[in-house]
Amino acid sequence: MNIDDLNHLLNAHNKKSTLSSNVKLAVNVIGLLSAAIYGWVEMENRITALEGKILAMEQMDKLETQIRMLESRGEEWDLERIKRRITK
């Protein structure tokens, strides 16, 4: 083997190493992007679930308020009925 052959082999090896490094870099970038996208989707899902729970809690609060109002009206109505019976 002469010097030219060795230089040719060295250049071929360097090209393979560069290609291998580029492939590894591309795989790592794709993996990083995939992880970032997955994390974003998971965060959005959690936020959506929390928003749903908050809406449900607000609806429950409204219903509880309405129930209390109805109960107080019912008590007032009962008191008025009792007062009428007493005054008769």
PDB file of N, CA and C in Angstrom:
ATOM      1  N   MET A   1       0.842  -1.167   0.000  1.00  0.00           N
ATOM      2  CA  MET A   1       0.000   0.000   0.000  1.00  0.00           C
ATOM      3  C   MET A   1       0.896   1.242   0.000  1.00  0.00           C
ATOM      4  N   ASN A   2       0.481   2.157  -0.780  1.00  0.00           N
ATOM      5  CA  ASN A   2       1.261   3.395  -0.813  1.00  0.00           C
ATOM      6  C   ASN A   2       0.509   4.498  -0.064  1.00  0.00           C
ATOM      7  N   ILE A   3       1.045   5.666  -0.013  1.00  0.00           N
ATOM      8  CA  ILE A   3       0.496   6.807   0.725  1.00  0.00           C
ATOM      9  C   ILE A   3      -0.863   7.214   0.160  1.00  0.00           C
ATOM     10  N   ASP A   4      -0.996   7.184  -1.137  1.00  0.00           N
ATOM     11  CA  ASP A   4      -2.269   7.569  -1.758  1.00  0.00           C
ATOM     12  C   ASP A   4      -3.386   6.629  -1.344  1.00  0.00           C
ATOM     13  N   ASP A   5      -3.088   5.339  -1.276  1.00  0.00           N
ATOM     14  CA  ASP A   5      -4.091   4.370  -0.836  1.00  0.00           C
ATOM     15  C   ASP A   5      -4.497   4.621   0.616  1.00  0.00           C
ATOM     16  N   LEU A   6      -3.511   4.900   1.468  1.00  0.00           N
ATOM     17  CA  LEU A   6      -3.805   5.170   2.876  1.00  0.00           C
ATOM     18  C   LEU A   6      -4.631   6.456   3.028  1.00  0.00           C
ATOM     19  N   ASN A   7      -4.296   7.487   2.260  1.00  0.00           N
ATOM     20  CA  ASN A   7      -5.074   8.724   2.291  1.00  0.00           C
ATOM     21  C   ASN A   7      -6.507   8.491   1.822  1.00  0.00           C
ATOM     22  N   HIS A   8      -6.652   7.668   0.806  1.00  0.00           N
ATOM     23  CA  HIS A   8      -7.984   7.341   0.288  1.00  0.00           C
ATOM     24  C   HIS A   8      -8.797   6.597   1.350  1.00  0.00           C
ATOM     25  N   LEU A   9      -8.184   5.635   2.028  1.00  0.00           N
ATOM     26  CA  LEU A   9      -8.878   4.895   3.085  1.00  0.00           C
ATOM     27  C   LEU A   9      -9.241   5.818   4.255  1.00  0.00           C
ATOM     28  N   LEU A  10      -8.337   6.705   4.621  1.00  0.00           N
ATOM     29  CA  LEU A  10      -8.580   7.645   5.710  1.00  0.00           C
ATOM     30  C   LEU A  10      -9.729   8.596   5.367  1.00  0.00           C
ATOM     31  N   ASN A  11      -9.751   9.087   4.132  1.00  0.00           N
ATOM     32  CA  ASN A  11     -10.839   9.966   3.692  1.00  0.00           C
ATOM     33  C   ASN A  11     -12.177   9.229   3.698  1.00  0.00           C
ATOM     34  N   ALA A  12     -12.177   7.981   3.260  1.00  0.00           N
ATOM     35  CA  ALA A  12     -13.403   7.177   3.249  1.00  0.00           C
ATOM     36  C   ALA A  12     -13.889   6.961   4.679  1.00  0.00           C
ATOM     37  N   HIS A  13     -12.956   6.691   5.593  1.00  0.00           N
ATOM     38  CA  HIS A  13     -13.319   6.488   6.993  1.00  0.00           C
ATOM     39  C   HIS A  13     -13.889   7.784   7.591  1.00  0.00           C
ATOM     40  N   ASN A  14     -13.297   8.908   7.293  1.00  0.00           N
ATOM     41  CA  ASN A  14     -13.777  10.201   7.795  1.00  0.00           C
ATOM     42  C   ASN A  14     -15.179  10.512   7.269  1.00  0.00           C
ATOM     43  N   LYS A  15     -15.435  10.173   5.999  1.00  0.00           N
ATOM     44  CA  LYS A  15     -16.772  10.400   5.432  1.00  0.00           C
ATOM     45  C   LYS A  15     -17.805   9.540   6.143  1.00  0.00           C
ATOM     46  N   LYS A  16     -17.423   8.275   6.444  1.00  0.00           N
ATOM     47  CA  LYS A  16     -18.343   7.388   7.158  1.00  0.00           C
ATOM     48  C   LYS A  16     -18.595   7.907   8.567  1.00  0.00           C
ATOM     49  N   SER A  17     -17.551   8.390   9.214  1.00  0.00           N
ATOM     50  CA  SER A  17     -17.692   8.936  10.560  1.00  0.00           C
ATOM     51  C   SER A  17     -18.582  10.173  10.549  1.00  0.00           C
ATOM     52  N   THR A  18     -18.407  11.036   9.553  1.00  0.00           N
ATOM     53  CA  THR A  18     -19.227  12.236   9.447  1.00  0.00           C
ATOM     54  C   THR A  18     -20.678  11.858   9.198  1.00  0.00           C
ATOM     55  N   LEU A  19     -20.905  10.895   8.309  1.00  0.00           N
ATOM     56  CA  LEU A  19     -22.259  10.435   8.027  1.00  0.00           C
ATOM     57  C   LEU A  19     -22.880   9.834   9.283  1.00  0.00           C
ATOM     58  N   SER A  20     -22.123   9.021   9.996  1.00  0.00           N
ATOM     59  CA  SER A  20     -22.601   8.405  11.226  1.00  0.00           C
ATOM     60  C   SER A  20     -22.932   9.473  12.269  1.00  0.00           C
ATOM     61  N   SER A  21     -22.086  10.475  12.386  1.00  0.00           N
ATOM     62  CA  SER A  21     -22.336  11.564  13.337  1.00  0.00           C
ATOM     63  C   SER A  21     -23.582  12.345  12.951  1.00  0.00           C
ATOM     64  N   ASN A  22     -23.749  12.587  11.663  1.00  0.00           N
ATOM     65  CA  ASN A  22     -24.939  13.307  11.201  1.00  0.00           C
ATOM     66  C   ASN A  22     -26.215  12.515  11.469  1.00  0.00           C
ATOM     67  N   VAL A  23     -26.152  11.209  11.261  1.00  0.00           N
ATOM     68  CA  VAL A  23     -27.313  10.354  11.520  1.00  0.00           C
ATOM     69  C   VAL A  23     -27.637  10.371  13.015  1.00  0.00           C
ATOM     70  N   LYS A  24     -26.601  10.250  13.856  1.00  0.00           N
ATOM     71  CA  LYS A  24     -26.825  10.288  15.303  1.00  0.00           C
ATOM     72  C   LYS A  24     -27.421  11.627  15.723  1.00  0.00           C
ATOM     73  N   LEU A  25     -26.906  12.708  15.156  1.00  0.00           N
ATOM     74  CA  LEU A  25     -27.427  14.024  15.472  1.00  0.00           C
ATOM     75  C   LEU A  25     -28.898  14.133  15.057  1.00  0.00           C
ATOM     76  N   ALA A  26     -29.231  13.657  13.874  1.00  0.00           N
ATOM     77  CA  ALA A  26     -30.614  13.712  13.395  1.00  0.00           C
ATOM     78  C   ALA A  26     -31.533  12.898  14.300  1.00  0.00           C
ATOM     79  N   VAL A  27     -31.092  11.718  14.711  1.00  0.00           N
ATOM     80  CA  VAL A  27     -31.894  10.869  15.598  1.00  0.00           C
ATOM     81  C   VAL A  27     -32.098  11.570  16.942  1.00  0.00           C
ATOM     82  N   ASN A  28     -31.041  12.185  17.466  1.00  0.00           N
ATOM     83  CA  ASN A  28     -31.154  12.891  18.738  1.00  0.00           C
ATOM     84  C   ASN A  28     -32.098  14.089  18.635  1.00  0.00           C
ATOM     85  N   VAL A  29     -32.023  14.817  17.542  1.00  0.00           N
ATOM     86  CA  VAL A  29     -32.907  15.968  17.351  1.00  0.00           C
ATOM     87  C   VAL A  29     -34.357  15.502  17.246  1.00  0.00           C
ATOM     88  N   ILE A  30     -34.589  14.435  16.503  1.00  0.00           N
ATOM     89  CA  ILE A  30     -35.953  13.892  16.380  1.00  0.00           C
ATOM     90  C   ILE A  30     -36.462  13.426  17.737  1.00  0.00           C
ATOM     91  N   GLY A  31     -35.604  12.761  18.508  1.00  0.00           N
ATOM     92  CA  GLY A  31     -35.987  12.317  19.849  1.00  0.00           C
ATOM     93  C   GLY A  31     -36.320  13.481  20.759  1.00  0.00           C
ATOM     94  N   LEU A  32     -35.511  14.536  20.694  1.00  0.00           N
ATOM     95  CA  LEU A  32     -35.756  15.721  21.503  1.00  0.00           C
ATOM     96  C   LEU A  32     -37.070  16.388  21.125  1.00  0.00           C
ATOM     97  N   LEU A  33     -37.317  16.535  19.833  1.00  0.00           N
ATOM     98  CA  LEU A  33     -38.576  17.129  19.382  1.00  0.00           C
ATOM     99  C   LEU A  33     -39.781  16.275  19.792  1.00  0.00           C
ATOM    100  N   SER A  34     -39.627  14.974  19.680  1.00  0.00           N
ATOM    101  CA  SER A  34     -40.719  14.070  20.076  1.00  0.00           C
ATOM    102  C   SER A  34     -41.025  14.210  21.558  1.00  0.00           C
ATOM    103  N   ALA A  35     -39.977  14.276  22.381  1.00  0.00           N
ATOM    104  CA  ALA A  35     -40.180  14.425  23.826  1.00  0.00           C
ATOM    105  C   ALA A  35     -40.842  15.756  24.146  1.00  0.00           C
ATOM    106  N   ALA A  36     -40.416  16.811  23.465  1.00  0.00           N
ATOM    107  CA  ALA A  36     -41.003  18.131  23.708  1.00  0.00           C
ATOM    108  C   ALA A  36     -42.479  18.149  23.299  1.00  0.00           C
ATOM    109  N   ILE A  37     -42.799  17.562  22.166  1.00  0.00           N
ATOM    110  CA  ILE A  37     -44.188  17.523  21.696  1.00  0.00           C
ATOM    111  C   ILE A  37     -45.043  16.678  22.642  1.00  0.00           C
ATOM    112  N   TYR A  38     -44.521  15.538  23.067  1.00  0.00           N
ATOM    113  CA  TYR A  38     -45.254  14.674  23.998  1.00  0.00           C
ATOM    114  C   TYR A  38     -45.526  15.412  25.312  1.00  0.00           C
ATOM    115  N   GLY A  39     -44.512  16.118  25.812  1.00  0.00           N
ATOM    116  CA  GLY A  39     -44.687  16.891  27.044  1.00  0.00           C
ATOM    117  C   GLY A  39     -45.738  17.964  26.878  1.00  0.00           C
ATOM    118  N   TRP A  40     -45.736  18.634  25.748  1.00  0.00           N
ATOM    119  CA  TRP A  40     -46.716  19.687  25.476  1.00  0.00           C
ATOM    120  C   TRP A  40     -48.130  19.107  25.439  1.00  0.00           C
ATOM    121  N   VAL A  41     -48.286  17.985  24.758  1.00  0.00           N
ATOM    122  CA  VAL A  41     -49.607  17.352  24.656  1.00  0.00           C
ATOM    123  C   VAL A  41     -50.096  16.916  26.038  1.00  0.00           C
ATOM    124  N   GLU A  42     -49.210  16.342  26.839  1.00  0.00           N
ATOM    125  CA  GLU A  42     -49.585  15.929  28.189  1.00  0.00           C
ATOM    126  C   GLU A  42     -50.016  17.135  29.026  1.00  0.00           C
ATOM    127  N   MET A  43     -49.287  18.229  28.921  1.00  0.00           N
ATOM    128  CA  MET A  43     -49.629  19.445  29.658  1.00  0.00           C
ATOM    129  C   MET A  43     -51.002  19.958  29.216  1.00  0.00           C
ATOM    130  N   GLU A  44     -51.255  19.974  27.906  1.00  0.00           N
ATOM    131  CA  GLU A  44     -52.554  20.425  27.397  1.00  0.00           C
ATOM    132  C   GLU A  44     -53.680  19.534  27.907  1.00  0.00           C
ATOM    133  N   ASN A  45     -53.444  18.236  27.950  1.00  0.00           N
ATOM    134  CA  ASN A  45     -54.466  17.310  28.456  1.00  0.00           C
ATOM    135  C   ASN A  45     -54.762  17.582  29.924  1.00  0.00           C
ATOM    136  N   ARG A  46     -53.716  17.825  30.713  1.00  0.00           N
ATOM    137  CA  ARG A  46     -53.920  18.121  32.132  1.00  0.00           C
ATOM    138  C   ARG A  46     -54.678  19.431  32.315  1.00  0.00           C
ATOM    139  N   ILE A  47     -54.319  20.431  31.530  1.00  0.00           N
ATOM    140  CA  ILE A  47     -55.000  21.724  31.627  1.00  0.00           C
ATOM    141  C   ILE A  47     -56.472  21.580  31.254  1.00  0.00           C
ATOM    142  N   THR A  48     -56.755  20.820  30.204  1.00  0.00           N
ATOM    143  CA  THR A  48     -58.139  20.594  29.784  1.00  0.00           C
ATOM    144  C   THR A  48     -58.926  19.884  30.889  1.00  0.00           C
ATOM    145  N   ALA A  49     -58.309  18.893  31.516  1.00  0.00           N
ATOM    146  CA  ALA A  49     -58.979  18.176  32.604  1.00  0.00           C
ATOM    147  C   ALA A  49     -59.239  19.106  33.781  1.00  0.00           C
ATOM    148  N   LEU A  50     -58.271  19.942  34.120  1.00  0.00           N
ATOM    149  CA  LEU A  50     -58.456  20.896  35.221  1.00  0.00           C
ATOM    150  C   LEU A  50     -59.550  21.915  34.906  1.00  0.00           C
ATOM    151  N   GLU A  51     -59.587  22.381  33.671  1.00  0.00           N
ATOM    152  CA  GLU A  51     -60.640  23.321  33.283  1.00  0.00           C
ATOM    153  C   GLU A  51     -62.016  22.678  33.418  1.00  0.00           C
ATOM    154  N   GLY A  52     -62.113  21.410  33.027  1.00  0.00           N
ATOM    155  CA  GLY A  52     -63.378  20.688  33.165  1.00  0.00           C
ATOM    156  C   GLY A  52     -63.790  20.552  34.627  1.00  0.00           C
ATOM    157  N   LYS A  53     -62.814  20.258  35.496  1.00  0.00           N
ATOM    158  CA  LYS A  53     -63.120  20.145  36.923  1.00  0.00           C
ATOM    159  C   LYS A  53     -63.549  21.488  37.502  1.00  0.00           C
ATOM    160  N   ILE A  54     -62.891  22.561  37.074  1.00  0.00           N
ATOM    161  CA  ILE A  54     -63.250  23.889  37.564  1.00  0.00           C
ATOM    162  C   ILE A  54     -64.674  24.241  37.143  1.00  0.00           C
ATOM    163  N   LEU A  55     -65.016  23.957  35.883  1.00  0.00           N
ATOM    164  CA  LEU A  55     -66.384  24.219  35.418  1.00  0.00           C
ATOM    165  C   LEU A  55     -67.402  23.407  36.203  1.00  0.00           C
ATOM    166  N   ALA A  56     -67.082  22.153  36.469  1.00  0.00           N
ATOM    167  CA  ALA A  56     -67.996  21.304  37.232  1.00  0.00           C
ATOM    168  C   ALA A  56     -68.173  21.850  38.647  1.00  0.00           C
ATOM    169  N   MET A  57     -67.080  22.310  39.261  1.00  0.00           N
ATOM    170  CA  MET A  57     -67.171  22.875  40.611  1.00  0.00           C
ATOM    171  C   MET A  57     -68.000  24.151  40.615  1.00  0.00           C
ATOM    172  N   GLU A  58     -67.837  24.983  39.595  1.00  0.00           N
ATOM    173  CA  GLU A  58     -68.629  26.206  39.509  1.00  0.00           C
ATOM    174  C   GLU A  58     -70.114  25.883  39.358  1.00  0.00           C
ATOM    175  N   GLN A  59     -70.421  24.871  38.558  1.00  0.00           N
ATOM    176  CA  GLN A  59     -71.822  24.472  38.389  1.00  0.00           C
ATOM    177  C   GLN A  59     -72.389  23.932  39.696  1.00  0.00           C
ATOM    178  N   MET A  60     -71.567  23.159  40.432  1.00  0.00           N
ATOM    179  CA  MET A  60     -72.013  22.643  41.721  1.00  0.00           C
ATOM    180  C   MET A  60     -72.287  23.785  42.695  1.00  0.00           C
ATOM    181  N   ASP A  61     -71.408  24.791  42.701  1.00  0.00           N
ATOM    182  CA  ASP A  61     -71.615  25.950  43.573  1.00  0.00           C
ATOM    183  C   ASP A  61     -72.921  26.668  43.230  1.00  0.00           C
ATOM    184  N   LYS A  62     -73.187  26.841  41.939  1.00  0.00           N
ATOM    185  CA  LYS A  62     -74.429  27.493  41.520  1.00  0.00           C
ATOM    186  C   LYS A  62     -75.643  26.689  41.970  1.00  0.00           C
ATOM    187  N   LEU A  63     -75.565  25.363  41.800  1.00  0.00           N
ATOM    188  CA  LEU A  63     -76.684  24.515  42.218  1.00  0.00           C
ATOM    189  C   LEU A  63     -76.892  24.576  43.724  1.00  0.00           C
ATOM    190  N   GLU A  64     -75.796  24.549  44.478  1.00  0.00           N
ATOM    191  CA  GLU A  64     -75.918  24.631  45.934  1.00  0.00           C
ATOM    192  C   GLU A  64     -76.546  25.959  46.356  1.00  0.00           C
ATOM    193  N   THR A  65     -76.159  27.037  45.686  1.00  0.00           N
ATOM    194  CA  THR A  65     -76.747  28.349  45.981  1.00  0.00           C
ATOM    195  C   THR A  65     -78.236  28.349  45.677  1.00  0.00           C
ATOM    196  N   GLN A  66     -78.614  27.776  44.545  1.00  0.00           N
ATOM    197  CA  GLN A  66     -80.031  27.707  44.184  1.00  0.00           C
ATOM    198  C   GLN A  66     -80.808  26.859  45.189  1.00  0.00           C
ATOM    199  N   ILE A  67     -80.210  25.764  45.631  1.00  0.00           N
ATOM    200  CA  ILE A  67     -80.884  24.899  46.615  1.00  0.00           C
ATOM    201  C   ILE A  67     -81.098  25.663  47.916  1.00  0.00           C
ATOM    202  N   ARG A  68     -80.066  26.385  48.373  1.00  0.00           N
ATOM    203  CA  ARG A  68     -80.201  27.171  49.603  1.00  0.00           C
ATOM    204  C   ARG A  68     -81.295  28.227  49.459  1.00  0.00           C
ATOM    205  N   MET A  69     -81.340  28.873  48.288  1.00  0.00           N
ATOM    206  CA  MET A  69     -82.380  29.894  48.061  1.00  0.00           C
ATOM    207  C   MET A  69     -83.768  29.260  48.114  1.00  0.00           C
ATOM    208  N   LEU A  70     -83.919  28.105  47.470  1.00  0.00           N
ATOM    209  CA  LEU A  70     -85.211  27.421  47.478  1.00  0.00           C
ATOM    210  C   LEU A  70     -85.586  26.987  48.884  1.00  0.00           C
ATOM    211  N   GLU A  71     -84.596  26.493  49.643  1.00  0.00           N
ATOM    212  CA  GLU A  71     -84.877  26.075  51.012  1.00  0.00           C
ATOM    213  C   GLU A  71     -85.302  27.262  51.862  1.00  0.00           C
ATOM    214  N   SER A  72     -84.624  28.395  51.697  1.00  0.00           N
ATOM    215  CA  SER A  72     -84.988  29.568  52.495  1.00  0.00           C
ATOM    216  C   SER A  72     -86.371  30.079  52.097  1.00  0.00           C
ATOM    217  N   ARG A  73     -86.690  30.035  50.822  1.00  0.00           N
ATOM    218  CA  ARG A  73     -88.039  30.431  50.384  1.00  0.00           C
ATOM    219  C   ARG A  73     -89.091  29.499  50.952  1.00  0.00           C
ATOM    220  N   GLY A  74     -88.734  28.217  50.966  1.00  0.00           N
ATOM    221  CA  GLY A  74     -89.670  27.236  51.520  1.00  0.00           C
ATOM    222  C   GLY A  74     -89.896  27.472  52.998  1.00  0.00           C
ATOM    223  N   GLU A  75     -88.837  27.800  53.741  1.00  0.00           N
ATOM    224  CA  GLU A  75     -88.978  28.083  55.167  1.00  0.00           C
ATOM    225  C   GLU A  75     -89.811  29.345  55.376  1.00  0.00           C
ATOM    226  N   GLU A  76     -89.585  30.348  54.555  1.00  0.00           N
ATOM    227  CA  GLU A  76     -90.377  31.577  54.663  1.00  0.00           C
ATOM    228  C   GLU A  76     -91.848  31.287  54.384  1.00  0.00           C
ATOM    229  N   TRP A  77     -92.092  30.474  53.380  1.00  0.00           N
ATOM    230  CA  TRP A  77     -93.470  30.123  53.036  1.00  0.00           C
ATOM    231  C   TRP A  77     -94.122  29.373  54.192  1.00  0.00           C
ATOM    232  N   ASP A  78     -93.377  28.414  54.781  1.00  0.00           N
ATOM    233  CA  ASP A  78     -93.896  27.658  55.924  1.00  0.00           C
ATOM    234  C   ASP A  78     -94.181  28.585  57.101  1.00  0.00           C
ATOM    235  N   LEU A  79     -93.291  29.553  57.371  1.00  0.00           N
ATOM    236  CA  LEU A  79     -93.499  30.492  58.462  1.00  0.00           C
ATOM    237  C   LEU A  79     -94.757  31.335  58.222  1.00  0.00           C
ATOM    238  N   GLU A  80     -94.951  31.764  56.999  1.00  0.00           N
ATOM    239  CA  GLU A  80     -96.140  32.551  56.677  1.00  0.00           C
ATOM    240  C   GLU A  80     -97.410  31.713  56.884  1.00  0.00           C
ATOM    241  N   ARG A  81     -97.364  30.452  56.488  1.00  0.00           N
ATOM    242  CA  ARG A  81     -98.517  29.569  56.688  1.00  0.00           C
ATOM    243  C   ARG A  81     -98.825  29.407  58.165  1.00  0.00           C
ATOM    244  N   ILE A  82     -97.795  29.257  58.984  1.00  0.00           N
ATOM    245  CA  ILE A  82     -97.984  29.094  60.418  1.00  0.00           C
ATOM    246  C   ILE A  82     -98.558  30.373  61.014  1.00  0.00           C
ATOM    247  N   LYS A  83     -98.038  31.532  60.577  1.00  0.00           N
ATOM    248  CA  LYS A  83     -98.526  32.817  61.072  1.00  0.00           C
ATOM    249  C   LYS A  83    -100.010  32.989  60.739  1.00  0.00           C
ATOM    250  N   ARG A  84    -100.404  32.595  59.545  1.00  0.00           N
ATOM    251  CA  ARG A  84    -101.804  32.715  59.151  1.00  0.00           C
ATOM    252  C   ARG A  84    -102.703  31.834  60.006  1.00  0.00           C
ATOM    253  N   ARG A  85    -102.217  30.642  60.329  1.00  0.00           N
ATOM    254  CA  ARG A  85    -103.011  29.733  61.163  1.00  0.00           C
ATOM    255  C   ARG A  85    -103.189  30.316  62.558  1.00  0.00           C
ATOM    256  N   ILE A  86    -102.103  30.917  63.050  1.00  0.00           N
ATOM    257  CA  ILE A  86    -102.165  31.465  64.415  1.00  0.00           C
ATOM    258  C   ILE A  86    -103.120  32.649  64.457  1.00  0.00           C
ATOM    259  N   THR A  87    -103.093  33.503  63.441  1.00  0.00           N
ATOM    260  CA  THR A  87    -103.929  34.705  63.448  1.00  0.00           C
ATOM    261  C   THR A  87    -105.383  34.392  63.188  1.00  0.00           C
ATOM    262  N   LYS A  88    -105.720  33.260  62.691  1.00  0.00           N
ATOM    263  CA  LYS A  88    -107.116  32.933  62.382  1.00  0.00           C
ATOM    264  C   LYS A  88    -107.883  32.613  63.609  1.00  0.00           C
TER     265      LYS A  88
END
